[in-house]
C-alpha atoms as a PDB file:
ATOM      1  CA  MET A   1       0.006   0.006   0.012  1.00  0.00           C
ATOM      2  CA  PRO A   2       1.567   3.418  -0.921  1.00  0.00           C
ATOM      3  CA  PRO A   3       2.455   5.582   2.177  1.00  0.00           C
ATOM      4  CA  GLU A   4      -0.017   8.183   1.348  1.00  0.00           C
ATOM      5  CA  LYS A   5      -2.865   5.665   1.663  1.00  0.00           C
ATOM      6  CA  GLN A   6      -1.434   4.192   4.890  1.00  0.00           C
ATOM      7  CA  ASN A   7      -1.796   7.485   6.752  1.00  0.00           C
ATOM      8  CA  LYS A   8      -5.267   8.083   5.900  1.00  0.00           C
ATOM      9  CA  LYS A   9      -7.836   6.677   8.316  1.00  0.00           C
ATOM     10  CA  GLN A  10     -11.659   6.317   8.089  1.00  0.00           C
ATOM     11  CA  GLN A  11     -13.982   5.622  11.128  1.00  0.00           C
ATOM     12  CA  PHE A  12     -16.634   3.004  11.052  1.00  0.00           C
ATOM     13  CA  SER A  13     -18.769   1.471  13.901  1.00  0.00           C
ATOM     14  CA  VAL A  14     -19.284  -2.121  14.726  1.00  0.00           C
ATOM     15  CA  TYR A  15     -21.448  -3.580  17.510  1.00  0.00           C
ATOM     16  CA  LEU A  16     -19.713  -6.125  19.744  1.00  0.00           C
ATOM     17  CA  PRO A  17     -20.469  -7.612  23.043  1.00  0.00           C
ATOM     18  CA  PRO A  18     -19.483  -5.416  25.956  1.00  0.00           C
ATOM     19  CA  GLU A  19     -17.411  -8.298  27.323  1.00  0.00           C
ATOM     20  CA  LEU A  20     -15.377  -8.547  24.101  1.00  0.00           C
ATOM     21  CA  ILE A  21     -14.940  -4.840  24.053  1.00  0.00           C
ATOM     22  CA  ARG A  22     -13.384  -4.875  27.415  1.00  0.00           C
ATOM     23  CA  GLU A  23     -11.267  -7.696  26.541  1.00  0.00           C
ATOM     24  CA  VAL A  24      -9.894  -5.937  23.456  1.00  0.00           C
ATOM     25  CA  LYS A  25      -9.298  -2.788  25.464  1.00  0.00           C
ATOM     26  CA  HIS A  26      -7.308  -4.627  28.177  1.00  0.00           C
ATOM     27  CA  ALA A  27      -5.255  -6.508  25.362  1.00  0.00           C
ATOM     28  CA  ALA A  28      -4.539  -3.261  23.585  1.00  0.00           C
ATOM     29  CA  VAL A  29      -3.136  -1.720  26.876  1.00  0.00           C
ATOM     30  CA  ASP A  30      -1.354  -4.863  27.540  1.00  0.00           C
ATOM     31  CA  HIS A  31       0.395  -4.490  24.148  1.00  0.00           C
ATOM     32  CA  ASN A  32       0.932  -0.608  24.846  1.00  0.00           C
ATOM     33  CA  MET A  33      -1.026   0.107  21.768  1.00  0.00           C
ATOM     34  CA  SER A  34      -3.956   2.441  21.090  1.00  0.00           C
ATOM     35  CA  LEU A  35      -7.166   0.492  20.589  1.00  0.00           C
ATOM     36  CA  SER A  36      -7.400   1.510  16.958  1.00  0.00           C
ATOM     37  CA  ALA A  37      -3.861   0.443  16.180  1.00  0.00           C
ATOM     38  CA  PHE A  38      -4.394  -2.840  18.044  1.00  0.00           C
ATOM     39  CA  ILE A  39      -7.722  -3.707  16.123  1.00  0.00           C
ATOM     40  CA  GLU A  40      -5.916  -2.558  12.933  1.00  0.00           C
ATOM     41  CA  GLN A  41      -3.162  -4.942  13.484  1.00  0.00           C
ATOM     42  CA  LEU A  42      -5.520  -7.882  14.470  1.00  0.00           C
ATOM     43  CA  ILE A  43      -7.487  -7.372  11.240  1.00  0.00           C
ATOM     44  CA  ARG A  44      -4.354  -7.145   9.057  1.00  0.00           C
ATOM     45  CA  THR A  45      -3.046 -10.186  10.777  1.00  0.00           C
ATOM     46  CA  HIS A  46      -6.307 -12.202  10.200  1.00  0.00           C
ATOM     47  CA  LEU A  47      -6.620 -10.975   6.530  1.00  0.00           C
ATOM     48  CA  GLN A  48      -2.784 -12.074   5.846  1.00  0.00           C
ATOM     49  CA  GLN A  49      -3.314 -15.567   7.433  1.00  0.00           C
ATOM     50  CA  ARG A  50      -6.651 -15.901   5.517  1.00  0.00           C
ATOM     51  CA  SER A  51      -4.868 -15.010   2.243  1.00  0.00           C
ATOM     52  CA  THR A  52      -2.011 -17.348   2.878  1.00  0.00           C
ATOM     53  CA  ALA A  53      -4.511 -20.202   3.782  1.00  0.00           C
ATOM     54  CA  LEU A  54      -6.412 -19.580   0.549  1.00  0.00           C
ATOM     55  CA  GLN A  55      -3.146 -19.677  -1.555  1.00  0.00           C
ATOM     56  CA  ASN A  56      -2.139 -23.042   0.184  1.00  0.00           C
ATOM     57  CA  GLU A  57      -5.559 -24.453  -0.619  1.00  0.00           C
ATOM     58  CA  GLU A  58      -5.153 -23.542  -4.211  1.00  0.00           C
ATOM     59  CA  LYS A  59      -1.735 -25.047  -4.384  1.00  0.00           C
ATOM     60  CA  GLY A  60      -2.700 -28.125  -2.665  1.00  0.00           C
END
């Protein structure tokens, strides 16, 4: 992704169970990250793992 696209952020809302929100907030603090940065990292990691798994299925 080009650097100019990486710095632009857009807000969107999701609805999650309160307990999950608490857990994610605590996990972000434990990793010394903002909530937004932590969730962004989780999503990127998940999508990368999913992409890798799909590529492996196509090869297999």
